[in-house]
Amino acid sequence: MNNLNNIPKKTELAIIGSGPGGYAAAFRAAELGLSVTLIDPEAKPGGVCLHRGCIPSKALLHVAKLIAEAEESKEIGVSFGKPKIDLERVREWKNEVIEKLTGGLGMKVDKLKLNYVRGIARFKDRQTLLVETADGGQGELAFQQAIIASGSRPVLLPQVETSPRIIDSSGALELAEVPKSLLVVGGGYIGLELGSVYAALGSQVSVVEMTNGLLPGCDRDLVSQLKRRLDKKFADILLSTKVVALKEQKNGVAVTLEDKQGEQNSRRFEQVLIAIGRRPNTENLGLENTAIKVDQKGFIEVDGQLRTAEANIFAIGDIAGEPMLAHKAYGEAHVAAEVAAGRKAVFDPRGIPAVVFTDPEIAWCGLTETQAREQKIPIETAKLPWRGNGRTLSLGREDGMTKLIVDPENDRLLGIAVAGPGAGELIAEGVLALEMAAVSEDLRKTIHPHPTLSETLFDAAEMLFKG
């Protein structure tokens, strides 16, 4: 890559942050002919997703899946000895995956002749950035247009700081050790994914969630498919319970828990993982030196073209609002880059998919049944259990479900959800169906390969056939 500490005097497009939103916007803008300067504290592009998020977590979840399959294969007549886990090699392999991906992005930066500056940037005004490089150099960068893609960071409990005993998601992915006991604070997708990894590696994992169910916001019938397996993998799942105190001790952490009746009890864990959400990185950007507006949650306000209140400055990804997902940032990046290059574009997806990479996976897009009920939207649903699907049974599984949500007036698909092995791959068909404004008959008349899990979409559509 080019000189990482070289701050150019001016650029047509400055991009703050080189995560999925930042690098995708940079690549698209460069392909459209703009001169681009990409600024990020890391030596290579990738952001949290590649370095401390999506990619390392999925690498470790693959390890967990292998261990689980080895343990469960005895049910179909294949027995293995207890897996021997070389933690150092697992850690090295995870880092190799990260290095390959970030290295590939670095090569593309060079190929497109982008200016990549390793450092941090803040706005001096609506057309100037103050940039400080990793080696302490400082300079001003004049820009015609800018894209803010500074991402997000984990939220911690009030008055709690990370330590070797109390870790956030970034610390968990370092895989420094496998504690004998681990408390996961937060029953959302990050907590359940990382909890599944540590449980597979040998930790006794307990989860505490302050609401009355895991994965708040996800339909309960989908969550039930997952919870049945997690009840067997985890030592404890404590719902409607909150953490009121954490106290580090010599060999662990004393945790005071309070249930919905207000009764408190204390437990001790070797390690505590706090996974209660993420917050946007909108501080320390010098936004006060511009007209850019930030809402009460810390998100930058944008319009359909991802423009902020400053017409020449865009915001994308986690700092532009929920859902805080890498693939949402990709979509926003392309729109912002095209608008910056003078093209007509708007960010208006019909369905942004959400995927929980646990075992089983859960994925959905469009309207959920819960949302329809809350918003009093009339719907018709088709819910197909997978226990009658040939491919499911041939995988040695009986769990899983596909759900279609349609408008009863015209049969148009409003939402699709899948729970089961490979749900994250299957949901793409659902997203395409929503974007194409498909009706359930379109799924029913599409020939799906047999025997596959994708047939469950066809079979669910058959349930809605009234001919």
Protein backbone atom coordinates (compact mmCIF):
# COMPACT_ATOMS: atom_id res chain seq x y z
CA MET A 1 0.00 0.00 0.00
CA ASN A 2 1.01 3.63 -0.45
CA ASN A 3 2.63 5.77 2.26
CA LEU A 4 0.17 5.43 5.13
CA ASN A 5 1.38 8.63 6.81
CA ASN A 6 1.19 10.89 3.77
CA ILE A 7 -1.65 13.41 4.09
CA PRO A 8 -2.59 14.88 0.69
CA LYS A 9 -3.44 18.58 0.51
CA LYS A 10 -6.79 18.04 -1.20
CA THR A 11 -9.10 15.33 -2.47
CA GLU A 12 -12.40 15.12 -4.31
CA LEU A 13 -13.82 12.62 -1.79
CA ALA A 14 -12.61 12.05 1.77
CA ILE A 15 -13.88 8.98 3.62
CA ILE A 16 -13.56 8.63 7.40
CA GLY A 17 -13.43 4.94 8.32
CA SER A 18 -12.45 1.93 6.24
CA GLY A 19 -14.95 -0.65 7.46
CA PRO A 20 -17.47 -2.32 5.11
CA GLY A 21 -19.17 1.00 4.42
CA GLY A 22 -15.98 3.03 4.05
CA TYR A 23 -14.00 0.72 1.81
CA ALA A 24 -17.03 -0.18 -0.33
CA ALA A 25 -17.75 3.53 -0.88
CA ALA A 26 -14.09 4.21 -1.64
CA PHE A 27 -13.87 1.43 -4.23
CA ARG A 28 -17.13 2.42 -5.95
CA ALA A 29 -16.25 6.12 -6.01
CA ALA A 30 -12.81 5.41 -7.46
CA GLU A 31 -14.37 3.20 -10.14
CA LEU A 32 -16.62 6.15 -11.00
CA GLY A 33 -13.61 8.40 -11.48
CA LEU A 34 -13.31 10.34 -8.22
CA SER A 35 -10.00 10.90 -6.45
CA VAL A 36 -10.46 9.29 -3.01
CA THR A 37 -8.67 9.58 0.33
CA LEU A 38 -9.53 6.89 2.88
CA ILE A 39 -8.63 7.55 6.53
CA ASP A 40 -8.62 4.90 9.26
CA PRO A 41 -6.58 4.06 12.41
CA GLU A 42 -5.89 0.50 11.19
CA ALA A 43 -2.92 -0.35 8.96
CA LYS A 44 -5.27 -2.08 6.49
CA PRO A 45 -8.91 -1.58 5.53
CA GLY A 46 -11.62 -3.78 7.02
CA GLY A 47 -12.87 -1.99 10.10
CA VAL A 48 -14.47 -3.74 13.06
CA CYS A 49 -16.20 -6.28 10.78
CA LEU A 50 -12.98 -7.84 9.53
CA HIS A 51 -10.70 -7.15 12.47
CA ARG A 52 -12.94 -7.61 15.53
CA GLY A 53 -16.43 -8.58 14.38
CA CYS A 54 -18.23 -10.47 11.62
CA ILE A 55 -15.29 -12.39 10.17
CA PRO A 56 -13.41 -13.59 13.28
CA SER A 57 -16.69 -14.50 14.99
CA LYS A 58 -17.81 -16.59 12.01
CA ALA A 59 -14.41 -18.30 11.88
CA LEU A 60 -14.77 -19.29 15.53
CA LEU A 61 -18.39 -20.33 15.02
CA HIS A 62 -17.16 -22.71 12.32
CA VAL A 63 -14.86 -24.30 14.93
CA ALA A 64 -17.82 -24.59 17.29
CA LYS A 65 -19.91 -26.21 14.56
CA LEU A 66 -17.24 -28.83 13.86
CA ILE A 67 -17.02 -29.71 17.55
CA ALA A 68 -20.81 -29.96 17.86
CA GLU A 69 -21.12 -32.15 14.75
CA ALA A 70 -18.40 -34.49 16.03
CA GLU A 71 -20.25 -34.86 19.33
CA GLU A 72 -23.67 -35.38 17.73
CA SER A 73 -22.57 -37.76 14.96
CA LYS A 74 -22.85 -40.77 17.29
CA GLU A 75 -26.62 -40.46 16.85
CA ILE A 76 -26.20 -41.54 13.21
CA GLY A 77 -23.65 -44.26 13.94
CA VAL A 78 -20.36 -42.38 13.60
CA SER A 79 -18.31 -41.91 16.76
CA PHE A 80 -15.22 -39.77 17.28
CA GLY A 81 -12.98 -39.38 20.29
CA LYS A 82 -13.21 -36.19 22.33
CA PRO A 83 -11.88 -33.30 20.18
CA LYS A 84 -8.42 -32.07 21.11
CA ILE A 85 -8.43 -28.29 20.87
CA ASP A 86 -5.17 -26.49 20.13
CA LEU A 87 -6.27 -23.03 21.25
CA GLU A 88 -3.13 -21.34 19.95
CA ARG A 89 -3.62 -22.82 16.47
CA VAL A 90 -7.32 -21.90 16.46
CA ARG A 91 -6.30 -18.34 17.30
CA GLU A 92 -3.63 -18.34 14.58
CA TRP A 93 -6.06 -19.69 11.97
CA LYS A 94 -8.64 -17.04 12.87
CA ASN A 95 -5.97 -14.36 12.46
CA GLU A 96 -4.86 -15.84 9.14
CA VAL A 97 -8.42 -15.50 7.82
CA ILE A 98 -8.43 -11.84 8.88
CA GLU A 99 -5.02 -11.24 7.31
CA LYS A 100 -6.05 -12.74 3.96
CA LEU A 101 -9.14 -10.58 3.73
CA THR A 102 -7.58 -7.32 4.92
CA GLY A 103 -4.55 -7.98 2.72
CA GLY A 104 -6.82 -8.40 -0.28
CA LEU A 105 -8.50 -5.08 0.48
CA GLY A 106 -5.10 -3.44 0.77
CA MET A 107 -4.18 -4.70 -2.69
CA LYS A 108 -7.39 -3.25 -4.10
CA VAL A 109 -6.57 0.12 -2.51
CA ASP A 110 -3.30 0.09 -4.45
CA LYS A 111 -4.92 -1.12 -7.67
CA LEU A 112 -7.47 1.72 -7.61
CA LYS A 113 -4.74 4.22 -6.62
CA LEU A 114 -6.56 5.43 -3.51
CA ASN A 115 -4.83 7.56 -0.90
CA TYR A 116 -4.93 5.51 2.31
CA VAL A 117 -3.96 7.44 5.43
CA ARG A 118 -3.50 5.57 8.68
CA GLY A 119 -4.80 7.98 11.27
CA ILE A 120 -7.82 9.79 12.66
CA ALA A 121 -9.75 12.73 11.23
CA ARG A 122 -12.11 15.39 12.52
CA PHE A 123 -13.90 18.22 10.78
CA LYS A 124 -12.40 21.69 10.97
CA ASP A 125 -15.32 22.93 8.86
CA ARG A 126 -17.62 21.66 6.11
CA GLN A 127 -14.77 21.38 3.59
CA THR A 128 -11.67 20.69 5.69
CA LEU A 129 -10.47 17.76 7.80
CA LEU A 130 -7.81 17.89 10.50
CA VAL A 131 -5.88 14.64 10.17
CA GLU A 132 -3.46 13.08 12.65
CA THR A 133 -1.44 10.10 11.41
CA ALA A 134 -0.46 7.06 13.44
CA ASP A 135 3.14 8.31 13.70
CA GLY A 136 2.04 11.67 15.14
CA GLY A 137 2.03 13.69 11.94
CA GLN A 138 -0.65 16.33 11.50
CA GLY A 139 -2.13 18.13 8.53
CA GLU A 140 -5.22 19.56 6.89
CA LEU A 141 -7.10 17.87 4.07
CA ALA A 142 -9.38 19.97 1.88
CA PHE A 143 -12.25 17.99 0.35
CA GLN A 144 -15.07 18.65 -2.08
CA GLN A 145 -17.25 15.89 -0.60
CA ALA A 146 -16.90 13.54 2.37
CA ILE A 147 -18.43 10.31 3.64
CA ILE A 148 -18.48 9.53 7.36
CA ALA A 149 -18.25 5.78 7.98
CA SER A 150 -16.77 5.70 11.47
CA GLY A 151 -18.71 2.65 12.64
CA SER A 152 -19.64 1.68 16.19
CA ARG A 153 -18.22 0.20 19.37
CA PRO A 154 -19.49 -2.14 22.13
CA VAL A 155 -21.64 -0.71 24.93
CA LEU A 156 -20.53 -1.49 28.48
CA LEU A 157 -22.53 -1.48 31.69
CA PRO A 158 -22.47 1.83 33.57
CA GLN A 159 -19.26 2.38 35.58
CA VAL A 160 -17.73 -0.84 34.24
CA GLU A 161 -14.46 -1.02 32.33
CA THR A 162 -12.98 -3.95 30.42
CA SER A 163 -10.22 -6.04 31.97
CA PRO A 164 -8.88 -9.59 31.55
CA ARG A 165 -11.86 -10.77 33.65
CA ILE A 166 -14.54 -8.47 32.21
CA ILE A 167 -14.48 -8.44 28.42
CA ASP A 168 -16.51 -7.07 25.52
CA SER A 169 -17.05 -8.72 22.13
CA SER A 170 -13.66 -7.53 20.86
CA GLY A 171 -11.94 -9.10 23.87
CA ALA A 172 -13.89 -12.33 23.45
CA LEU A 173 -12.68 -12.66 19.85
CA GLU A 174 -9.05 -12.41 20.96
CA LEU A 175 -9.59 -15.90 22.49
CA ALA A 176 -6.91 -15.29 25.13
CA GLU A 177 -8.24 -18.21 27.19
CA VAL A 178 -11.20 -20.51 27.64
CA PRO A 179 -12.56 -19.87 31.14
CA LYS A 180 -14.14 -22.67 33.12
CA SER A 181 -17.21 -20.51 33.65
CA LEU A 182 -18.44 -17.56 31.59
CA LEU A 183 -21.37 -15.23 32.15
CA VAL A 184 -22.69 -13.60 28.99
CA VAL A 185 -24.56 -10.40 29.78
CA GLY A 186 -27.03 -9.89 26.95
CA GLY A 187 -29.15 -12.41 25.06
CA GLY A 188 -28.88 -10.73 21.67
CA TYR A 189 -27.16 -12.17 18.62
CA ILE A 190 -23.62 -11.16 19.66
CA GLY A 191 -23.95 -12.72 23.09
CA LEU A 192 -25.50 -15.94 21.80
CA GLU A 193 -22.97 -16.35 18.99
CA LEU A 194 -19.95 -15.83 21.25
CA GLY A 195 -21.55 -17.84 24.04
CA SER A 196 -21.96 -20.74 21.60
CA VAL A 197 -18.27 -20.55 20.68
CA TYR A 198 -17.06 -20.66 24.28
CA ALA A 199 -19.52 -23.41 25.22
CA ALA A 200 -18.18 -25.55 22.36
CA LEU A 201 -14.60 -24.89 23.49
CA GLY A 202 -15.39 -26.12 27.00
CA SER A 203 -16.71 -23.20 29.07
CA GLN A 204 -19.76 -23.53 31.27
CA VAL A 205 -21.74 -20.66 29.78
CA SER A 206 -24.60 -18.82 31.47
CA VAL A 207 -26.60 -16.08 29.77
CA VAL A 208 -28.46 -13.29 31.52
CA GLU A 209 -31.03 -11.23 29.60
CA MET A 210 -33.08 -8.41 31.13
CA THR A 211 -36.09 -8.90 28.81
CA ASN A 212 -38.37 -11.94 28.93
CA GLY A 213 -36.85 -13.65 25.88
CA LEU A 214 -33.69 -14.19 23.89
CA LEU A 215 -33.10 -12.17 20.72
CA PRO A 216 -35.48 -9.29 21.51
CA GLY A 217 -37.24 -8.17 18.33
CA CYS A 218 -37.13 -11.61 16.71
CA ASP A 219 -40.36 -13.62 16.41
CA ARG A 220 -40.78 -16.04 19.31
CA ASP A 221 -41.50 -19.08 17.14
CA LEU A 222 -38.10 -18.63 15.49
CA VAL A 223 -36.32 -18.13 18.81
CA SER A 224 -37.89 -21.30 20.20
CA GLN A 225 -36.09 -23.34 17.52
CA LEU A 226 -32.77 -22.02 18.87
CA LYS A 227 -33.53 -22.01 22.57
CA ARG A 228 -34.25 -25.75 22.64
CA ARG A 229 -30.64 -26.42 21.60
CA LEU A 230 -29.13 -23.67 23.73
CA ASP A 231 -30.87 -25.11 26.81
CA LYS A 232 -28.68 -28.19 26.27
CA LYS A 233 -25.47 -26.29 25.47
CA PHE A 234 -25.59 -23.58 28.13
CA ALA A 235 -25.44 -24.11 31.87
CA ASP A 236 -28.11 -21.47 32.49
CA ILE A 237 -30.33 -19.02 30.60
CA LEU A 238 -31.67 -16.39 33.00
CA LEU A 239 -34.46 -14.27 31.49
CA SER A 240 -36.10 -11.18 33.01
CA THR A 241 -32.92 -10.81 35.04
CA LYS A 242 -30.45 -7.95 35.24
CA VAL A 243 -26.92 -7.46 36.51
CA VAL A 244 -26.85 -4.96 39.37
CA ALA A 245 -23.19 -5.31 40.40
CA LEU A 246 -19.89 -6.71 39.17
CA LYS A 247 -16.91 -7.05 41.48
CA GLU A 248 -13.59 -8.41 40.31
CA GLN A 249 -11.89 -10.86 42.63
CA LYS A 250 -8.57 -12.66 42.55
CA ASN A 251 -9.79 -15.62 40.49
CA GLY A 252 -13.00 -14.36 38.98
CA VAL A 253 -15.90 -11.94 39.08
CA ALA A 254 -18.64 -11.79 41.72
CA VAL A 255 -21.91 -10.95 39.97
CA THR A 256 -25.06 -9.78 41.70
CA LEU A 257 -28.22 -10.64 39.74
CA GLU A 258 -31.77 -9.41 40.26
CA ASP A 259 -34.84 -11.24 38.94
CA LYS A 260 -38.20 -9.74 37.98
CA GLN A 261 -39.49 -10.14 41.57
CA GLY A 262 -36.62 -7.95 42.77
CA GLU A 263 -34.86 -10.80 44.54
CA GLN A 264 -31.06 -10.70 44.37
CA ASN A 265 -28.45 -13.44 44.44
CA SER A 266 -24.70 -13.50 43.92
CA ARG A 267 -22.76 -15.86 41.68
CA ARG A 268 -19.10 -16.16 40.78
CA PHE A 269 -17.73 -16.62 37.25
CA GLU A 270 -14.18 -16.84 35.97
CA GLN A 271 -14.99 -14.35 33.25
CA VAL A 272 -17.85 -12.04 32.23
CA LEU A 273 -18.62 -11.08 28.63
CA ILE A 274 -20.71 -7.93 28.22
CA ALA A 275 -22.69 -8.03 24.98
CA ILE A 276 -25.54 -5.56 25.44
CA GLY A 277 -25.28 -3.76 22.13
CA ARG A 278 -23.23 -1.19 20.24
CA ARG A 279 -23.17 2.59 20.01
CA PRO A 280 -22.25 4.77 17.01
CA ASN A 281 -18.84 6.45 16.90
CA THR A 282 -20.08 9.99 16.36
CA GLU A 283 -18.02 11.62 19.11
CA ASN A 284 -14.70 13.37 18.46
CA LEU A 285 -15.46 13.91 14.77
CA GLY A 286 -15.74 17.69 15.03
CA LEU A 287 -19.39 17.54 13.96
CA GLU A 288 -19.99 20.67 16.03
CA ASN A 289 -17.94 22.54 13.42
CA THR A 290 -20.52 21.64 10.77
CA ALA A 291 -24.31 21.80 10.46
CA ILE A 292 -24.57 17.98 10.76
CA LYS A 293 -27.33 16.85 13.13
CA VAL A 294 -27.14 13.91 15.55
CA ASP A 295 -30.22 12.31 17.14
CA GLN A 296 -30.70 11.28 20.79
CA LYS A 297 -29.17 7.84 20.19
CA GLY A 298 -26.02 9.31 18.64
CA PHE A 299 -26.87 8.49 15.02
CA ILE A 300 -26.21 11.06 12.30
CA GLU A 301 -29.42 12.15 10.56
CA VAL A 302 -29.41 11.49 6.80
CA ASP A 303 -31.85 11.61 3.89
CA GLY A 304 -32.60 8.96 1.27
CA GLN A 305 -29.34 9.71 -0.53
CA LEU A 306 -27.41 9.43 2.77
CA ARG A 307 -26.71 13.17 2.78
CA THR A 308 -26.37 14.88 6.15
CA ALA A 309 -27.52 18.44 6.85
CA GLU A 310 -24.32 19.44 5.02
CA ALA A 311 -25.18 18.62 1.39
CA ASN A 312 -21.56 17.70 0.53
CA ILE A 313 -21.14 15.32 3.49
CA PHE A 314 -22.70 11.84 3.63
CA ALA A 315 -22.98 9.34 6.50
CA ILE A 316 -23.27 5.57 6.08
CA GLY A 317 -23.15 2.35 8.08
CA ASP A 318 -23.57 2.05 11.82
CA ILE A 319 -23.40 5.81 12.43
CA ALA A 320 -26.34 6.40 10.06
CA GLY A 321 -28.87 4.37 12.06
CA GLU A 322 -30.12 0.86 12.63
CA PRO A 323 -29.90 -1.91 11.68
CA MET A 324 -26.19 -1.86 12.45
CA LEU A 325 -25.19 -4.50 9.91
CA ALA A 326 -22.27 -4.71 7.50
CA HIS A 327 -24.42 -5.55 4.49
CA LYS A 328 -26.64 -2.53 5.15
CA ALA A 329 -23.44 -0.45 5.11
CA TYR A 330 -22.47 -1.98 1.74
CA GLY A 331 -25.80 -0.93 0.25
CA GLU A 332 -25.56 2.59 1.66
CA ALA A 333 -21.96 2.88 0.48
CA HIS A 334 -22.87 2.30 -3.15
CA VAL A 335 -25.68 4.86 -2.99
CA ALA A 336 -23.48 7.53 -1.34
CA ALA A 337 -20.62 6.94 -3.80
CA GLU A 338 -22.91 7.14 -6.81
CA VAL A 339 -24.59 10.32 -5.58
CA ALA A 340 -21.16 11.83 -4.86
CA ALA A 341 -20.18 11.00 -8.45
CA GLY A 342 -23.24 12.84 -9.77
CA ARG A 343 -25.46 9.84 -10.44
CA LYS A 344 -29.07 9.41 -9.38
CA ALA A 345 -29.47 6.92 -6.56
CA VAL A 346 -31.50 6.42 -3.38
CA PHE A 347 -31.28 3.94 -0.51
CA ASP A 348 -34.70 2.32 -0.36
CA PRO A 349 -34.44 -1.44 0.27
CA ARG A 350 -37.63 -3.47 0.73
CA GLY A 351 -35.93 -5.87 3.09
CA ILE A 352 -32.55 -5.80 4.86
CA PRO A 353 -31.79 -9.36 5.98
CA ALA A 354 -30.80 -10.12 9.57
CA VAL A 355 -28.89 -13.32 10.37
CA VAL A 356 -28.02 -14.86 13.72
CA PHE A 357 -25.15 -17.31 13.11
CA THR A 358 -25.91 -19.65 15.99
CA ASP A 359 -26.83 -23.33 15.63
CA PRO A 360 -29.47 -23.38 14.31
CA GLU A 361 -29.13 -20.13 12.40
CA ILE A 362 -32.02 -17.67 12.35
CA ALA A 363 -32.60 -15.26 9.46
CA TRP A 364 -35.38 -12.95 8.42
CA CYS A 365 -36.16 -10.03 6.12
CA GLY A 366 -39.04 -7.63 5.62
CA LEU A 367 -42.00 -7.48 7.98
CA THR A 368 -41.95 -9.75 11.04
CA GLU A 369 -45.04 -11.24 12.62
CA THR A 370 -44.29 -9.28 15.80
CA GLN A 371 -44.15 -5.98 13.88
CA ALA A 372 -47.37 -6.78 12.04
CA ARG A 373 -49.14 -7.40 15.35
CA GLU A 374 -47.76 -4.21 16.92
CA GLN A 375 -48.67 -2.11 13.86
CA LYS A 376 -52.04 -3.86 13.40
CA ILE A 377 -51.19 -4.82 9.82
CA PRO A 378 -53.43 -7.64 8.50
CA ILE A 379 -51.32 -10.61 7.38
CA GLU A 380 -51.57 -14.27 6.49
CA THR A 381 -48.77 -16.65 7.47
CA ALA A 382 -47.52 -20.05 6.42
CA LYS A 383 -45.30 -21.83 8.94
CA LEU A 384 -43.57 -25.00 7.79
CA PRO A 385 -41.64 -27.16 10.30
CA TRP A 386 -38.60 -28.84 8.75
CA ARG A 387 -39.13 -32.25 10.33
CA GLY A 388 -40.79 -33.45 7.13
CA ASN A 389 -38.03 -32.18 4.84
CA GLY A 390 -35.84 -34.94 3.42
CA ARG A 391 -32.64 -32.91 3.39
CA THR A 392 -33.12 -31.90 7.03
CA LEU A 393 -33.44 -35.52 8.14
CA SER A 394 -30.50 -36.63 5.98
CA LEU A 395 -28.37 -34.06 7.86
CA GLY A 396 -29.26 -35.77 11.12
CA ARG A 397 -31.49 -32.89 12.20
CA GLU A 398 -35.18 -32.49 12.91
CA ASP A 399 -35.32 -28.83 13.88
CA GLY A 400 -36.01 -25.85 11.67
CA MET A 401 -38.86 -23.76 10.33
CA THR A 402 -39.69 -21.57 7.33
CA LYS A 403 -42.27 -18.81 7.64
CA LEU A 404 -43.85 -16.69 4.92
CA ILE A 405 -45.82 -13.55 5.71
CA VAL A 406 -48.13 -12.27 2.97
CA ASP A 407 -50.74 -9.60 2.37
CA PRO A 408 -54.09 -11.45 2.46
CA GLU A 409 -55.53 -9.01 -0.10
CA ASN A 410 -53.09 -9.69 -2.94
CA ASP A 411 -50.78 -12.55 -1.83
CA ARG A 412 -47.76 -10.23 -1.96
CA LEU A 413 -44.81 -11.33 0.18
CA LEU A 414 -44.25 -8.95 3.10
CA GLY A 415 -41.71 -10.92 5.11
CA ILE A 416 -39.79 -14.19 5.12
CA ALA A 417 -38.08 -15.93 8.03
CA VAL A 418 -36.03 -19.10 8.35
CA ALA A 419 -34.66 -20.96 11.36
CA GLY A 420 -32.41 -23.95 10.81
CA PRO A 421 -29.03 -25.03 9.46
CA GLY A 422 -27.97 -22.73 6.62
CA ALA A 423 -30.73 -20.17 7.23
CA GLY A 424 -28.27 -17.36 6.50
CA GLU A 425 -27.79 -18.65 2.97
CA LEU A 426 -31.47 -19.39 2.35
CA ILE A 427 -32.67 -15.91 3.29
CA ALA A 428 -31.13 -14.39 0.14
CA GLU A 429 -33.96 -15.90 -1.92
CA GLY A 430 -36.40 -14.19 0.39
CA VAL A 431 -34.65 -10.83 0.02
CA LEU A 432 -34.75 -11.14 -3.77
CA ALA A 433 -38.45 -12.05 -3.63
CA LEU A 434 -39.20 -8.90 -1.61
CA GLU A 435 -37.13 -6.68 -3.89
CA MET A 436 -38.95 -8.10 -6.93
CA ALA A 437 -42.34 -7.53 -5.24
CA ALA A 438 -43.06 -11.25 -5.59
CA VAL A 439 -46.23 -13.00 -4.49
CA SER A 440 -46.22 -16.40 -2.83
CA GLU A 441 -47.33 -17.96 -6.12
CA ASP A 442 -43.96 -16.88 -7.60
CA LEU A 443 -42.19 -19.04 -5.02
CA ARG A 444 -44.63 -21.89 -5.61
CA LYS A 445 -44.04 -21.82 -9.37
CA THR A 446 -40.25 -21.63 -9.01
CA ILE A 447 -38.75 -25.12 -9.32
CA HIS A 448 -36.49 -25.74 -6.33
CA PRO A 449 -33.82 -28.48 -6.40
CA HIS A 450 -34.55 -31.68 -4.47
CA PRO A 451 -33.57 -32.68 -1.88
CA THR A 452 -32.56 -29.32 -0.41
CA LEU A 453 -33.46 -27.05 2.46
CA SER A 454 -34.50 -24.43 -0.09
CA GLU A 455 -37.54 -26.60 -0.87
CA THR A 456 -39.02 -25.41 2.41
CA LEU A 457 -39.68 -22.04 0.78
CA PHE A 458 -41.59 -23.81 -2.00
CA ASP A 459 -43.48 -26.00 0.45
CA ALA A 460 -44.42 -23.04 2.64
CA ALA A 461 -45.74 -21.23 -0.43
CA GLU A 462 -47.82 -24.33 -1.25
CA MET A 463 -49.53 -23.91 2.11
CA LEU A 464 -50.86 -20.55 0.93
CA PHE A 465 -52.27 -21.92 -2.34
CA LYS A 466 -56.01 -21.56 -2.45
CA GLY A 467 -56.64 -22.74 -6.01
